[in-house]
Amino acid sequence: HARSGAVYKDYLIRETDLEEVIYEALEKERLLLIQHHIPADVSCHEKVYTDRKWIIFILNQMILNSVKYRSSTPVLRFYTQKRKDSVVLTAEDNGTGILPEDLPRIFEKGFTGNNGRDHEKATGMGLYLCKKLCDQLGIALTAQSEYGKGTKMLLRFPVSSYIVRG
């Protein structure tokens, strides 16, 4: 948490294969995913310019939240969508979802909402740090959720015409 305010001092923007970083984040939580019988489906074929280490941190937080707030038959999906000016990476689960009144506040420091009150380990810091890091890296982070049906976390990576080839 202390380092997140100074991420500009500790990042390296390079072309990053999203499929590779997703598999690396999944590998870090492999035993937890196996323990809770959570399959992961990855369909990402895009490369973006970002910091690999911090994106893995962000993805890891999303994976941990998917495990923490899982359904009885959990599924975790990652997929990309290429747009004219961006690449959108979606991390989607079919977990408990977020109450509509909690959704606007999930990126606030310390906010745990209804779901967090039901889980002793919720601190309200994970998504706050993700949002802060995304803001500093120029990535738009948004969430969509339907309570009882799951959550989608969307990361929109900008694509500059100055670095796009062909």
Protein backbone atom coordinates (compact mmCIF):
# COMPACT_ATOMS: atom_id res chain seq x y z
CA HIS A 1 0.00 0.00 0.00
CA ALA A 2 2.77 2.43 0.91
CA ARG A 3 4.43 1.98 -2.48
CA SER A 4 1.27 2.50 -4.52
CA GLY A 5 1.49 6.29 -4.19
CA ALA A 6 4.90 6.26 -5.79
CA VAL A 7 4.25 3.77 -8.57
CA TYR A 8 5.62 6.30 -11.05
CA LYS A 9 9.02 5.65 -9.48
CA ASP A 10 8.71 1.89 -9.87
CA TYR A 11 7.22 0.98 -13.19
CA LEU A 12 8.40 -0.06 -16.60
CA ILE A 13 6.01 0.34 -19.51
CA ARG A 14 6.61 -2.29 -22.16
CA GLU A 15 4.62 -4.26 -24.65
CA THR A 16 2.85 -6.87 -22.54
CA ASP A 17 1.05 -10.00 -23.69
CA LEU A 18 -2.19 -10.09 -21.69
CA GLU A 19 -2.57 -13.85 -22.01
CA GLU A 20 0.89 -14.37 -20.49
CA VAL A 21 0.26 -12.09 -17.50
CA ILE A 22 -3.14 -13.66 -16.83
CA TYR A 23 -1.62 -17.14 -16.77
CA GLU A 24 1.15 -15.87 -14.50
CA ALA A 25 -1.42 -14.41 -12.07
CA LEU A 26 -3.47 -17.63 -12.21
CA GLU A 27 -0.35 -19.68 -11.53
CA LYS A 28 0.34 -17.67 -8.37
CA GLU A 29 -3.10 -18.67 -7.06
CA ARG A 30 -3.16 -22.14 -8.62
CA LEU A 31 -3.48 -24.06 -5.35
CA LEU A 32 -6.30 -21.81 -4.10
CA LEU A 33 -8.17 -22.21 -7.40
CA ILE A 34 -7.73 -26.00 -7.28
CA GLN A 35 -8.78 -26.15 -3.62
CA HIS A 36 -12.05 -24.36 -4.41
CA HIS A 37 -12.61 -26.14 -7.76
CA ILE A 38 -12.56 -22.91 -9.77
CA PRO A 39 -11.87 -23.37 -13.47
CA ALA A 40 -10.40 -20.45 -15.37
CA ASP A 41 -11.13 -19.77 -19.02
CA VAL A 42 -8.68 -17.44 -20.78
CA SER A 43 -9.36 -15.97 -24.21
CA CYS A 44 -6.96 -13.06 -24.56
CA HIS A 45 -5.00 -12.46 -27.73
CA GLU A 46 -3.99 -8.84 -27.35
CA LYS A 47 -0.84 -7.05 -26.37
CA VAL A 48 -0.87 -3.72 -24.58
CA TYR A 49 1.69 -1.27 -23.26
CA THR A 50 1.74 -1.41 -19.48
CA ASP A 51 3.79 -2.44 -16.47
CA ARG A 52 3.81 -6.23 -16.15
CA LYS A 53 4.43 -6.38 -12.41
CA TRP A 54 1.59 -4.03 -11.47
CA ILE A 55 -0.89 -5.64 -13.87
CA ILE A 56 -0.17 -9.02 -12.31
CA PHE A 57 -0.79 -7.45 -8.88
CA ILE A 58 -4.14 -6.07 -10.10
CA LEU A 59 -5.17 -9.37 -11.72
CA ASN A 60 -4.17 -11.25 -8.59
CA GLN A 61 -6.50 -9.08 -6.50
CA MET A 62 -9.35 -9.80 -8.91
CA ILE A 63 -8.66 -13.53 -8.73
CA LEU A 64 -8.62 -13.43 -4.92
CA ASN A 65 -11.94 -11.56 -4.88
CA SER A 66 -13.45 -14.12 -7.25
CA VAL A 67 -12.38 -16.90 -4.90
CA LYS A 68 -13.55 -15.06 -1.78
CA TYR A 69 -16.99 -14.24 -3.21
CA ARG A 70 -17.48 -17.41 -5.27
CA SER A 71 -20.72 -19.21 -6.03
CA SER A 72 -21.36 -22.90 -5.37
CA THR A 73 -20.29 -23.68 -8.97
CA PRO A 74 -17.63 -21.05 -9.60
CA VAL A 75 -16.26 -20.04 -12.98
CA LEU A 76 -13.65 -17.40 -13.74
CA ARG A 77 -13.23 -15.96 -17.25
CA PHE A 78 -10.74 -13.54 -18.78
CA TYR A 79 -11.25 -12.18 -22.27
CA THR A 80 -10.28 -9.19 -24.37
CA GLN A 81 -12.09 -6.96 -26.80
CA LYS A 82 -10.17 -4.77 -29.21
CA ARG A 83 -11.67 -1.36 -29.87
CA LYS A 84 -10.51 1.49 -32.08
CA ASP A 85 -8.75 3.39 -29.29
CA SER A 86 -8.34 0.74 -26.60
CA VAL A 87 -8.12 -2.89 -25.58
CA VAL A 88 -10.58 -3.94 -22.88
CA LEU A 89 -9.65 -6.83 -20.62
CA THR A 90 -12.59 -8.31 -18.72
CA ALA A 91 -12.24 -10.48 -15.62
CA GLU A 92 -15.64 -12.10 -15.08
CA ASP A 93 -16.95 -14.43 -12.40
CA ASN A 94 -20.32 -15.90 -11.50
CA GLY A 95 -19.95 -15.22 -7.78
CA THR A 96 -22.14 -13.46 -5.27
CA GLY A 97 -22.07 -10.16 -7.13
CA ILE A 98 -22.26 -6.70 -5.59
CA LEU A 99 -25.37 -4.95 -4.35
CA PRO A 100 -26.39 -2.04 -6.61
CA GLU A 101 -26.06 0.44 -3.74
CA ASP A 102 -22.51 -0.80 -2.98
CA LEU A 103 -21.24 -0.81 -6.58
CA PRO A 104 -20.46 2.94 -6.83
CA ARG A 105 -18.27 2.75 -3.71
CA ILE A 106 -16.19 -0.42 -4.26
CA PHE A 107 -13.05 1.54 -5.18
CA GLU A 108 -13.18 3.72 -2.05
CA LYS A 109 -10.46 3.21 0.55
CA GLY A 110 -11.71 0.97 3.34
CA PHE A 111 -15.15 0.29 1.83
CA THR A 112 -16.18 -3.35 2.27
CA GLY A 113 -19.92 -3.14 1.61
CA ASN A 114 -22.43 -5.87 2.32
CA ASN A 115 -20.19 -8.68 1.03
CA GLY A 116 -17.21 -7.49 3.05
CA ARG A 117 -19.18 -7.53 6.26
CA ASP A 118 -19.91 -11.21 5.60
CA HIS A 119 -16.20 -12.02 5.17
CA GLU A 120 -13.87 -11.40 8.09
CA LYS A 121 -10.79 -10.94 5.88
CA ALA A 122 -12.23 -8.08 3.84
CA THR A 123 -10.28 -4.85 4.38
CA GLY A 124 -11.62 -2.60 1.66
CA MET A 125 -8.08 -2.04 0.40
CA GLY A 126 -7.76 -4.43 -2.55
CA LEU A 127 -9.94 -2.71 -5.13
CA TYR A 128 -8.92 0.69 -3.79
CA LEU A 129 -5.27 -0.13 -4.56
CA CYS A 130 -6.22 -1.59 -7.96
CA LYS A 131 -8.05 1.61 -8.89
CA LYS A 132 -5.22 3.81 -7.66
CA LEU A 133 -2.64 1.83 -9.64
CA CYS A 134 -4.82 1.77 -12.76
CA ASP A 135 -5.28 5.54 -12.56
CA GLN A 136 -1.53 6.04 -12.33
CA LEU A 137 -0.90 3.66 -15.23
CA GLY A 138 -3.54 5.32 -17.44
CA ILE A 139 -5.87 2.31 -17.36
CA ALA A 140 -9.59 2.87 -16.88
CA LEU A 141 -10.93 0.40 -14.30
CA THR A 142 -14.68 -0.09 -14.01
CA ALA A 143 -16.99 -2.73 -12.60
CA GLN A 144 -20.32 -4.19 -13.60
CA SER A 145 -22.21 -6.52 -11.31
CA GLU A 146 -25.55 -8.14 -10.77
CA TYR A 147 -26.14 -9.23 -7.19
CA GLY A 148 -26.36 -13.01 -6.99
CA LYS A 149 -25.09 -13.49 -10.53
CA GLY A 150 -21.49 -12.28 -10.66
CA THR A 151 -19.14 -9.44 -11.38
CA LYS A 152 -17.15 -8.12 -14.34
CA MET A 153 -14.05 -6.01 -13.80
CA LEU A 154 -13.07 -4.14 -16.95
CA LEU A 155 -9.62 -2.72 -17.58
CA ARG A 156 -9.44 -0.41 -20.59
CA PHE A 157 -5.89 -0.01 -21.89
CA PRO A 158 -5.53 2.97 -24.21
CA VAL A 159 -4.00 2.40 -27.64
CA SER A 160 -1.99 5.27 -29.05
CA SER A 161 -1.74 5.76 -32.79
CA TYR A 162 1.92 6.69 -32.20
CA ILE A 163 2.85 3.18 -31.14
CA VAL A 164 0.43 1.06 -33.16
CA ARG A 165 2.09 -0.68 -36.08
CA GLY A 166 0.37 -1.41 -39.37
